[in-house]
């Protein structure tokens, strides 16, 4: 079954999100932040990490909700997109 472009965009975005999220969670990233900002970064790094994760996951949620998500993949959630479109 070939993958169409509307299914490819969320996959590419999710891979990018996972790579960024994994990098920011890594010890080298934390050491780099500490080297640039000093020990003042220690209490603020979890806040920064969570904010970046929340901000970068929102476009993926929009893509999956409004643009048919991963076409052909079964989902455990009911189809609410048609209800949103009728409103």
C-alpha atoms as a PDB file:
ATOM      1  CA  UNK A   1       0.000   0.000   0.000  1.00  0.00           C
ATOM      2  CA  UNK A   2       1.664   3.264  -1.104  1.00  0.00           C
ATOM      3  CA  UNK A   3       1.879   6.169   1.314  1.00  0.00           C
ATOM      4  CA  UNK A   4       0.273   9.387   0.088  1.00  0.00           C
ATOM      5  CA  UNK A   5       1.632  12.825   0.954  1.00  0.00           C
ATOM      6  CA  UNK A   6      -1.081  13.564   3.521  1.00  0.00           C
ATOM      7  CA  UNK A   7       0.068  10.545   5.516  1.00  0.00           C
ATOM      8  CA  UNK A   8       3.727  11.378   5.058  1.00  0.00           C
ATOM      9  CA  UNK A   9       3.584  14.875   6.616  1.00  0.00           C
ATOM     10  CA  UNK A  10       2.536  13.724  10.095  1.00  0.00           C
ATOM     11  CA  UNK A  11       5.129  10.949  10.032  1.00  0.00           C
ATOM     12  CA  UNK A  12       7.933  13.362   9.104  1.00  0.00           C
ATOM     13  CA  UNK A  13       6.771  15.867  11.726  1.00  0.00           C
ATOM     14  CA  UNK A  14       6.567  13.162  14.387  1.00  0.00           C
ATOM     15  CA  UNK A  15      10.095  12.000  13.583  1.00  0.00           C
ATOM     16  CA  UNK A  16      11.344  15.587  13.888  1.00  0.00           C
ATOM     17  CA  UNK A  17       9.456  16.070  17.152  1.00  0.00           C
ATOM     18  CA  UNK A  18      10.857  12.844  18.576  1.00  0.00           C
ATOM     19  CA  UNK A  19      14.405  13.773  17.558  1.00  0.00           C
ATOM     20  CA  UNK A  20      14.157  17.246  19.128  1.00  0.00           C
ATOM     21  CA  UNK A  21      12.476  15.869  22.250  1.00  0.00           C
ATOM     22  CA  UNK A  22      15.105  13.151  22.648  1.00  0.00           C
ATOM     23  CA  UNK A  23      17.952  15.618  22.120  1.00  0.00           C
ATOM     24  CA  UNK A  24      16.599  18.060  24.697  1.00  0.00           C
ATOM     25  CA  UNK A  25      16.154  15.214  27.201  1.00  0.00           C
ATOM     26  CA  UNK A  26      19.732  14.029  26.726  1.00  0.00           C
ATOM     27  CA  UNK A  27      22.579  14.750  29.115  1.00  0.00           C
ATOM     28  CA  UNK A  28      24.727  16.412  26.410  1.00  0.00           C
ATOM     29  CA  UNK A  29      21.974  18.992  25.785  1.00  0.00           C
ATOM     30  CA  UNK A  30      21.679  19.677  29.508  1.00  0.00           C
ATOM     31  CA  UNK A  31      25.452  20.025  29.792  1.00  0.00           C
ATOM     32  CA  UNK A  32      25.494  22.387  26.812  1.00  0.00           C
ATOM     33  CA  UNK A  33      22.799  24.560  28.398  1.00  0.00           C
ATOM     34  CA  UNK A  34      24.690  24.564  31.675  1.00  0.00           C
ATOM     35  CA  UNK A  35      27.916  25.538  29.889  1.00  0.00           C
ATOM     36  CA  UNK A  36      26.207  28.499  28.192  1.00  0.00           C
ATOM     37  CA  UNK A  37      23.984  29.720  31.031  1.00  0.00           C
ATOM     38  CA  UNK A  38      25.729  28.412  34.138  1.00  0.00           C
ATOM     39  CA  UNK A  39      24.118  26.724  37.105  1.00  0.00           C
ATOM     40  CA  UNK A  40      21.148  29.134  36.917  1.00  0.00           C
ATOM     41  CA  UNK A  41      19.710  26.912  34.177  1.00  0.00           C
ATOM     42  CA  UNK A  42      19.162  23.932  36.508  1.00  0.00           C
ATOM     43  CA  UNK A  43      15.724  24.927  37.893  1.00  0.00           C
ATOM     44  CA  UNK A  44      14.550  26.357  34.558  1.00  0.00           C
ATOM     45  CA  UNK A  45      15.550  23.548  32.196  1.00  0.00           C
ATOM     46  CA  UNK A  46      12.533  21.337  32.990  1.00  0.00           C
ATOM     47  CA  UNK A  47      10.236  24.313  32.405  1.00  0.00           C
ATOM     48  CA  UNK A  48      11.938  25.055  29.070  1.00  0.00           C
ATOM     49  CA  UNK A  49      11.838  21.366  28.087  1.00  0.00           C
ATOM     50  CA  UNK A  50       8.115  21.077  28.854  1.00  0.00           C
ATOM     51  CA  UNK A  51       7.280  24.328  27.057  1.00  0.00           C
ATOM     52  CA  UNK A  52       9.159  23.263  23.924  1.00  0.00           C
ATOM     53  CA  UNK A  53       7.439  19.867  23.996  1.00  0.00           C
ATOM     54  CA  UNK A  54       3.985  21.428  24.361  1.00  0.00           C
ATOM     55  CA  UNK A  55       4.565  24.034  21.653  1.00  0.00           C
ATOM     56  CA  UNK A  56       5.999  21.563  19.151  1.00  0.00           C
ATOM     57  CA  UNK A  57       3.349  18.869  19.671  1.00  0.00           C
ATOM     58  CA  UNK A  58       0.443  21.243  18.943  1.00  0.00           C
ATOM     59  CA  UNK A  59       0.992  21.385  15.156  1.00  0.00           C
ATOM     60  CA  UNK A  60       1.058  17.576  15.041  1.00  0.00           C
ATOM     61  CA  UNK A  61      -2.238  17.448  16.908  1.00  0.00           C
ATOM     62  CA  UNK A  62      -3.741  19.903  14.411  1.00  0.00           C
ATOM     63  CA  UNK A  63      -2.401  17.915  11.462  1.00  0.00           C
ATOM     64  CA  UNK A  64      -3.803  14.654  12.802  1.00  0.00           C
ATOM     65  CA  UNK A  65      -7.170  16.123  13.784  1.00  0.00           C
ATOM     66  CA  UNK A  66      -8.015  18.292  10.776  1.00  0.00           C
ATOM     67  CA  UNK A  67      -6.144  16.669   7.896  1.00  0.00           C
ATOM     68  CA  UNK A  68      -7.297  13.068   8.222  1.00  0.00           C
ATOM     69  CA  UNK A  69      -4.265  11.979  10.229  1.00  0.00           C
ATOM     70  CA  UNK A  70      -2.618   8.772   9.175  1.00  0.00           C
ATOM     71  CA  UNK A  71      -4.945   7.559   6.450  1.00  0.00           C
ATOM     72  CA  UNK A  72      -5.630   3.867   6.598  1.00  0.00           C
ATOM     73  CA  UNK A  73      -4.426   3.388  10.164  1.00  0.00           C
ATOM     74  CA  UNK A  74      -7.092   2.181  12.563  1.00  0.00           C
ATOM     75  CA  UNK A  75      -7.807   4.466  15.497  1.00  0.00           C
ATOM     76  CA  UNK A  76      -9.403   3.697  18.848  1.00  0.00           C
ATOM     77  CA  UNK A  77     -11.024   7.142  18.911  1.00  0.00           C
ATOM     78  CA  UNK A  78     -14.394   8.004  17.379  1.00  0.00           C
ATOM     79  CA  UNK A  79     -14.404  10.122  14.240  1.00  0.00           C
ATOM     80  CA  UNK A  80     -15.183  13.609  15.549  1.00  0.00           C
ATOM     81  CA  UNK A  81     -13.861  15.486  12.524  1.00  0.00           C
ATOM     82  CA  UNK A  82     -17.167  15.263  10.689  1.00  0.00           C
ATOM     83  CA  UNK A  83     -19.004  16.745  13.682  1.00  0.00           C
ATOM     84  CA  UNK A  84     -16.564  19.670  13.763  1.00  0.00           C
ATOM     85  CA  UNK A  85     -16.965  20.276  10.045  1.00  0.00           C
ATOM     86  CA  UNK A  86     -20.774  20.378  10.284  1.00  0.00           C
ATOM     87  CA  UNK A  87     -20.716  23.006  13.038  1.00  0.00           C
END
